[in-house]
Amino acid sequence: PLQTAFMEEFAAQCGFCTSGMLMAAKALL
């Protein structure tokens, strides 16, 4: 669901930070 939401909210632009952001967010959730 995090990956889907990142696509829907245009949260990944260049994408370089995305993997780290996803893992930090997963730990939170």
PDB file of all heavy atoms in Angstrom:
ATOM      1  N   PRO A   1       0.802  -1.229   0.000  1.00  0.00           N
ATOM      2  CA  PRO A   1       0.000   0.000   0.000  1.00  0.00           C
ATOM      3  C   PRO A   1       0.838   1.284   0.000  1.00  0.00           C
ATOM      4  O   PRO A   1       0.423   2.286  -0.587  1.00  0.00           O
ATOM      5  CB  PRO A   1      -0.829  -0.114   1.280  1.00  0.00           C
ATOM      6  CG  PRO A   1      -0.962  -1.586   1.497  1.00  0.00           C
ATOM      7  CD  PRO A   1       0.344  -2.177   1.025  1.00  0.00           C
ATOM      8  N   LEU A   2       2.011   1.265   0.626  1.00  0.00           N
ATOM      9  CA  LEU A   2       2.880   2.446   0.575  1.00  0.00           C
ATOM     10  C   LEU A   2       3.330   2.730  -0.846  1.00  0.00           C
ATOM     11  O   LEU A   2       3.342   3.882  -1.285  1.00  0.00           O
ATOM     12  CB  LEU A   2       4.102   2.258   1.475  1.00  0.00           C
ATOM     13  CG  LEU A   2       3.919   2.593   2.940  1.00  0.00           C
ATOM     14  CD1 LEU A   2       5.079   2.046   3.761  1.00  0.00           C
ATOM     15  CD2 LEU A   2       3.771   4.088   3.146  1.00  0.00           C
ATOM     16  N   GLN A   3       3.706   1.698  -1.572  1.00  0.00           N
ATOM     17  CA  GLN A   3       4.168   1.889  -2.945  1.00  0.00           C
ATOM     18  C   GLN A   3       3.047   2.445  -3.820  1.00  0.00           C
ATOM     19  O   GLN A   3       3.268   3.369  -4.618  1.00  0.00           O
ATOM     20  CB  GLN A   3       4.687   0.568  -3.511  1.00  0.00           C
ATOM     21  CG  GLN A   3       5.964   0.099  -2.833  1.00  0.00           C
ATOM     22  CD  GLN A   3       6.338  -1.318  -3.213  1.00  0.00           C
ATOM     23  OE1 GLN A   3       5.519  -2.240  -3.091  1.00  0.00           O
ATOM     24  NE2 GLN A   3       7.568  -1.501  -3.670  1.00  0.00           N
ATOM     25  N   THR A   4       1.849   1.903  -3.660  1.00  0.00           N
ATOM     26  CA  THR A   4       0.708   2.382  -4.432  1.00  0.00           C
ATOM     27  C   THR A   4       0.405   3.840  -4.104  1.00  0.00           C
ATOM     28  O   THR A   4       0.198   4.665  -4.997  1.00  0.00           O
ATOM     29  CB  THR A   4      -0.528   1.498  -4.151  1.00  0.00           C
ATOM     30  OG1 THR A   4      -0.211   0.148  -4.485  1.00  0.00           O
ATOM     31  CG2 THR A   4      -1.726   1.964  -4.955  1.00  0.00           C
ATOM     32  N   ALA A   5       0.411   4.166  -2.803  1.00  0.00           N
ATOM     33  CA  ALA A   5       0.115   5.542  -2.387  1.00  0.00           C
ATOM     34  C   ALA A   5       1.184   6.513  -2.886  1.00  0.00           C
ATOM     35  O   ALA A   5       0.870   7.648  -3.264  1.00  0.00           O
ATOM     36  CB  ALA A   5      -0.014   5.613  -0.868  1.00  0.00           C
ATOM     37  N   PHE A   6       2.451   6.088  -2.903  1.00  0.00           N
ATOM     38  CA  PHE A   6       3.515   6.960  -3.417  1.00  0.00           C
ATOM     39  C   PHE A   6       3.268   7.282  -4.879  1.00  0.00           C
ATOM     40  O   PHE A   6       3.486   8.420  -5.313  1.00  0.00           O
ATOM     41  CB  PHE A   6       4.888   6.301  -3.237  1.00  0.00           C
ATOM     42  CG  PHE A   6       5.616   6.721  -1.988  1.00  0.00           C
ATOM     43  CD1 PHE A   6       5.069   6.497  -0.739  1.00  0.00           C
ATOM     44  CD2 PHE A   6       6.846   7.349  -2.056  1.00  0.00           C
ATOM     45  CE1 PHE A   6       5.733   6.878   0.420  1.00  0.00           C
ATOM     46  CE2 PHE A   6       7.526   7.743  -0.915  1.00  0.00           C
ATOM     47  CZ  PHE A   6       6.960   7.507   0.327  1.00  0.00           C
ATOM     48  N   MET A   7       2.793   6.310  -5.647  1.00  0.00           N
ATOM     49  CA  MET A   7       2.488   6.572  -7.055  1.00  0.00           C
ATOM     50  C   MET A   7       1.301   7.513  -7.181  1.00  0.00           C
ATOM     51  O   MET A   7       1.341   8.487  -7.941  1.00  0.00           O
ATOM     52  CB  MET A   7       2.202   5.269  -7.795  1.00  0.00           C
ATOM     53  CG  MET A   7       3.424   4.412  -8.015  1.00  0.00           C
ATOM     54  SD  MET A   7       3.144   2.972  -9.076  1.00  0.00           S
ATOM     55  CE  MET A   7       1.726   2.215  -8.347  1.00  0.00           C
ATOM     56  N   GLU A   8       0.253   7.251  -6.434  1.00  0.00           N
ATOM     57  CA  GLU A   8      -0.963   8.053  -6.537  1.00  0.00           C
ATOM     58  C   GLU A   8      -0.766   9.504  -6.094  1.00  0.00           C
ATOM     59  O   GLU A   8      -1.387  10.406  -6.654  1.00  0.00           O
ATOM     60  CB  GLU A   8      -2.071   7.413  -5.695  1.00  0.00           C
ATOM     61  CG  GLU A   8      -2.529   6.084  -6.241  1.00  0.00           C
ATOM     62  CD  GLU A   8      -3.411   5.312  -5.283  1.00  0.00           C
ATOM     63  OE1 GLU A   8      -3.494   5.669  -4.084  1.00  0.00           O
ATOM     64  OE2 GLU A   8      -4.016   4.331  -5.744  1.00  0.00           O
ATOM     65  N   GLU A   9       0.079   9.714  -5.114  1.00  0.00           N
ATOM     66  CA  GLU A   9       0.304  11.060  -4.587  1.00  0.00           C
ATOM     67  C   GLU A   9       1.501  11.757  -5.252  1.00  0.00           C
ATOM     68  O   GLU A   9       1.887  12.841  -4.837  1.00  0.00           O
ATOM     69  CB  GLU A   9       0.530  11.011  -3.072  1.00  0.00           C
ATOM     70  CG  GLU A   9      -0.668  10.548  -2.283  1.00  0.00           C
ATOM     71  CD  GLU A   9      -1.819  11.536  -2.304  1.00  0.00           C
ATOM     72  OE1 GLU A   9      -1.588  12.735  -2.556  1.00  0.00           O
ATOM     73  OE2 GLU A   9      -2.961  11.105  -2.075  1.00  0.00           O
ATOM     74  N   PHE A  10       2.092  11.132  -6.260  1.00  0.00           N
ATOM     75  CA  PHE A  10       3.266  11.675  -6.946  1.00  0.00           C
ATOM     76  C   PHE A  10       4.383  11.985  -5.950  1.00  0.00           C
ATOM     77  O   PHE A  10       5.044  13.022  -6.025  1.00  0.00           O
ATOM     78  CB  PHE A  10       2.913  12.910  -7.784  1.00  0.00           C
ATOM     79  CG  PHE A  10       1.856  12.623  -8.806  1.00  0.00           C
ATOM     80  CD1 PHE A  10       0.528  12.966  -8.574  1.00  0.00           C
ATOM     81  CD2 PHE A  10       2.185  11.984  -9.991  1.00  0.00           C
ATOM     82  CE1 PHE A  10      -0.454  12.674  -9.509  1.00  0.00           C
ATOM     83  CE2 PHE A  10       1.210  11.693 -10.933  1.00  0.00           C
ATOM     84  CZ  PHE A  10      -0.115  12.041 -10.690  1.00  0.00           C
ATOM     85  N   ALA A  11       4.570  11.051  -5.008  1.00  0.00           N
ATOM     86  CA  ALA A  11       5.568  11.222  -3.950  1.00  0.00           C
ATOM     87  C   ALA A  11       6.968  10.845  -4.405  1.00  0.00           C
ATOM     88  O   ALA A  11       7.929  11.094  -3.680  1.00  0.00           O
ATOM     89  CB  ALA A  11       5.171  10.402  -2.724  1.00  0.00           C
ATOM     90  N   ALA A  12       7.085  10.258  -5.567  1.00  0.00           N
ATOM     91  CA  ALA A  12       8.396   9.919  -6.114  1.00  0.00           C
ATOM     92  C   ALA A  12       8.583  10.698  -7.399  1.00  0.00           C
ATOM     93  O   ALA A  12       7.892  10.452  -8.370  1.00  0.00           O
ATOM     94  CB  ALA A  12       8.496   8.423  -6.389  1.00  0.00           C
ATOM     95  N   GLN A  13       9.494  11.646  -7.378  1.00  0.00           N
ATOM     96  CA  GLN A  13       9.737  12.405  -8.600  1.00  0.00           C
ATOM     97  C   GLN A  13      11.014  11.888  -9.257  1.00  0.00           C
ATOM     98  O   GLN A  13      10.944  11.104 -10.173  1.00  0.00           O
ATOM     99  CB  GLN A  13       9.738  13.895  -8.303  1.00  0.00           C
ATOM    100  CG  GLN A  13       8.331  14.356  -7.988  1.00  0.00           C
ATOM    101  CD  GLN A  13       8.209  15.832  -7.752  1.00  0.00           C
ATOM    102  OE1 GLN A  13       9.036  16.626  -8.152  1.00  0.00           O
ATOM    103  NE2 GLN A  13       7.138  16.220  -7.097  1.00  0.00           N
ATOM    104  N   CYS A  14      12.177  12.251  -8.758  1.00  0.00           N
ATOM    105  CA  CYS A  14      13.383  11.667  -9.348  1.00  0.00           C
ATOM    106  C   CYS A  14      13.534  10.222  -8.885  1.00  0.00           C
ATOM    107  O   CYS A  14      14.134   9.405  -9.556  1.00  0.00           O
ATOM    108  CB  CYS A  14      14.630  12.488  -9.027  1.00  0.00           C
ATOM    109  SG  CYS A  14      15.377  12.158  -7.421  1.00  0.00           S
ATOM    110  N   GLY A  15      12.979   9.905  -7.703  1.00  0.00           N
ATOM    111  CA  GLY A  15      12.978   8.534  -7.206  1.00  0.00           C
ATOM    112  C   GLY A  15      14.168   8.138  -6.365  1.00  0.00           C
ATOM    113  O   GLY A  15      14.173   7.062  -5.770  1.00  0.00           O
ATOM    114  N   PHE A  16      15.185   8.975  -6.295  1.00  0.00           N
ATOM    115  CA  PHE A  16      16.394   8.552  -5.595  1.00  0.00           C
ATOM    116  C   PHE A  16      16.155   8.330  -4.108  1.00  0.00           C
ATOM    117  O   PHE A  16      16.663   7.395  -3.526  1.00  0.00           O
ATOM    118  CB  PHE A  16      17.546   9.538  -5.815  1.00  0.00           C
ATOM    119  CG  PHE A  16      18.864   8.927  -5.479  1.00  0.00           C
ATOM    120  CD1 PHE A  16      19.496   8.081  -6.369  1.00  0.00           C
ATOM    121  CD2 PHE A  16      19.454   9.155  -4.254  1.00  0.00           C
ATOM    122  CE1 PHE A  16      20.701   7.470  -6.056  1.00  0.00           C
ATOM    123  CE2 PHE A  16      20.664   8.560  -3.925  1.00  0.00           C
ATOM    124  CZ  PHE A  16      21.283   7.712  -4.832  1.00  0.00           C
ATOM    125  N   CYS A  17      15.361   9.168  -3.483  1.00  0.00           N
ATOM    126  CA  CYS A  17      15.117   9.042  -2.042  1.00  0.00           C
ATOM    127  C   CYS A  17      14.030   8.027  -1.729  1.00  0.00           C
ATOM    128  O   CYS A  17      13.838   7.652  -0.569  1.00  0.00           O
ATOM    129  CB  CYS A  17      14.732  10.388  -1.440  1.00  0.00           C
ATOM    130  SG  CYS A  17      13.066  10.954  -1.902  1.00  0.00           S
ATOM    131  N   THR A  18      13.306   7.565  -2.727  1.00  0.00           N
ATOM    132  CA  THR A  18      12.086   6.804  -2.503  1.00  0.00           C
ATOM    133  C   THR A  18      12.288   5.538  -1.685  1.00  0.00           C
ATOM    134  O   THR A  18      11.506   5.268  -0.771  1.00  0.00           O
ATOM    135  CB  THR A  18      11.408   6.468  -3.847  1.00  0.00           C
ATOM    136  OG1 THR A  18      11.173   7.691  -4.552  1.00  0.00           O
ATOM    137  CG2 THR A  18      10.100   5.738  -3.643  1.00  0.00           C
ATOM    138  N   SER A  19      13.309   4.757  -1.960  1.00  0.00           N
ATOM    139  CA  SER A  19      13.469   3.506  -1.205  1.00  0.00           C
ATOM    140  C   SER A  19      13.688   3.784   0.278  1.00  0.00           C
ATOM    141  O   SER A  19      13.104   3.123   1.142  1.00  0.00           O
ATOM    142  CB  SER A  19      14.585   2.642  -1.781  1.00  0.00           C
ATOM    143  OG  SER A  19      15.833   3.294  -1.697  1.00  0.00           O
ATOM    144  N   GLY A  20      14.496   4.780   0.594  1.00  0.00           N
ATOM    145  CA  GLY A  20      14.708   5.127   1.996  1.00  0.00           C
ATOM    146  C   GLY A  20      13.450   5.670   2.643  1.00  0.00           C
ATOM    147  O   GLY A  20      13.148   5.354   3.801  1.00  0.00           O
ATOM    148  N   MET A  21      12.714   6.500   1.911  1.00  0.00           N
ATOM    149  CA  MET A  21      11.455   7.036   2.432  1.00  0.00           C
ATOM    150  C   MET A  21      10.456   5.916   2.701  1.00  0.00           C
ATOM    151  O   MET A  21       9.787   5.898   3.741  1.00  0.00           O
ATOM    152  CB  MET A  21      10.834   8.031   1.443  1.00  0.00           C
ATOM    153  CG  MET A  21      11.572   9.324   1.300  1.00  0.00           C
ATOM    154  SD  MET A  21      11.330  10.376   2.745  1.00  0.00           S
ATOM    155  CE  MET A  21      12.088  11.872   2.127  1.00  0.00           C
ATOM    156  N   LEU A  22      10.349   4.986   1.759  1.00  0.00           N
ATOM    157  CA  LEU A  22       9.414   3.874   1.934  1.00  0.00           C
ATOM    158  C   LEU A  22       9.748   3.045   3.169  1.00  0.00           C
ATOM    159  O   LEU A  22       8.852   2.668   3.934  1.00  0.00           O
ATOM    160  CB  LEU A  22       9.414   2.973   0.689  1.00  0.00           C
ATOM    161  CG  LEU A  22       8.689   3.514  -0.531  1.00  0.00           C
ATOM    162  CD1 LEU A  22       9.031   2.692  -1.764  1.00  0.00           C
ATOM    163  CD2 LEU A  22       7.179   3.548  -0.300  1.00  0.00           C
ATOM    164  N   MET A  23      11.026   2.788   3.393  1.00  0.00           N
ATOM    165  CA  MET A  23      11.401   1.952   4.533  1.00  0.00           C
ATOM    166  C   MET A  23      11.213   2.697   5.854  1.00  0.00           C
ATOM    167  O   MET A  23      10.767   2.116   6.843  1.00  0.00           O
ATOM    168  CB  MET A  23      12.825   1.432   4.378  1.00  0.00           C
ATOM    169  CG  MET A  23      13.014   0.541   3.153  1.00  0.00           C
ATOM    170  SD  MET A  23      11.719  -0.704   2.877  1.00  0.00           S
ATOM    171  CE  MET A  23      11.969  -1.809   4.240  1.00  0.00           C
ATOM    172  N   ALA A  24      11.500   3.984   5.883  1.00  0.00           N
ATOM    173  CA  ALA A  24      11.254   4.771   7.092  1.00  0.00           C
ATOM    174  C   ALA A  24       9.753   4.819   7.382  1.00  0.00           C
ATOM    175  O   ALA A  24       9.330   4.682   8.536  1.00  0.00           O
ATOM    176  CB  ALA A  24      11.824   6.182   6.936  1.00  0.00           C
ATOM    177  N   ALA A  25       8.940   4.984   6.339  1.00  0.00           N
ATOM    178  CA  ALA A  25       7.490   5.021   6.503  1.00  0.00           C
ATOM    179  C   ALA A  25       6.949   3.669   6.942  1.00  0.00           C
ATOM    180  O   ALA A  25       6.054   3.595   7.795  1.00  0.00           O
ATOM    181  CB  ALA A  25       6.833   5.462   5.196  1.00  0.00           C
ATOM    182  N   LYS A  26       7.484   2.593   6.393  1.00  0.00           N
ATOM    183  CA  LYS A  26       7.031   1.260   6.790  1.00  0.00           C
ATOM    184  C   LYS A  26       7.310   1.012   8.261  1.00  0.00           C
ATOM    185  O   LYS A  26       6.459   0.486   8.991  1.00  0.00           O
ATOM    186  CB  LYS A  26       7.677   0.175   5.947  1.00  0.00           C
ATOM    187  CG  LYS A  26       7.176  -1.214   6.361  1.00  0.00           C
ATOM    188  CD  LYS A  26       7.620  -2.291   5.444  1.00  0.00           C
ATOM    189  CE  LYS A  26       7.042  -3.658   5.750  1.00  0.00           C
ATOM    190  NZ  LYS A  26       6.596  -3.948   7.081  1.00  0.00           N
ATOM    191  N   ALA A  27       8.493   1.395   8.721  1.00  0.00           N
ATOM    192  CA  ALA A  27       8.820   1.213  10.143  1.00  0.00           C
ATOM    193  C   ALA A  27       7.821   1.981  11.010  1.00  0.00           C
ATOM    194  O   ALA A  27       7.363   1.472  12.037  1.00  0.00           O
ATOM    195  CB  ALA A  27      10.248   1.668  10.420  1.00  0.00           C
ATOM    196  N   LEU A  28       7.475   3.193  10.589  1.00  0.00           N
ATOM    197  CA  LEU A  28       6.494   3.981  11.339  1.00  0.00           C
ATOM    198  C   LEU A  28       5.143   3.277  11.371  1.00  0.00           C
ATOM    199  O   LEU A  28       4.555   3.103  12.439  1.00  0.00           O
ATOM    200  CB  LEU A  28       6.334   5.371  10.719  1.00  0.00           C
ATOM    201  CG  LEU A  28       5.161   6.199  11.277  1.00  0.00           C
ATOM    202  CD1 LEU A  28       5.383   6.541  12.749  1.00  0.00           C
ATOM    203  CD2 LEU A  28       4.947   7.438  10.434  1.00  0.00           C
ATOM    204  N   LEU A  29       4.639   2.875  10.208  1.00  0.00           N
ATOM    205  CA  LEU A  29       3.308   2.270  10.153  1.00  0.00           C
ATOM    206  C   LEU A  29       3.253   0.922  10.860  1.00  0.00           C
ATOM    207  O   LEU A  29       2.196   0.533  11.371  1.00  0.00           O
ATOM    208  CB  LEU A  29       2.838   2.147   8.699  1.00  0.00           C
ATOM    209  CG  LEU A  29       2.619   3.472   7.974  1.00  0.00           C
ATOM    210  CD1 LEU A  29       2.133   3.223   6.552  1.00  0.00           C
ATOM    211  CD2 LEU A  29       1.674   4.381   8.732  1.00  0.00           C
TER     212      LEU A  29
END
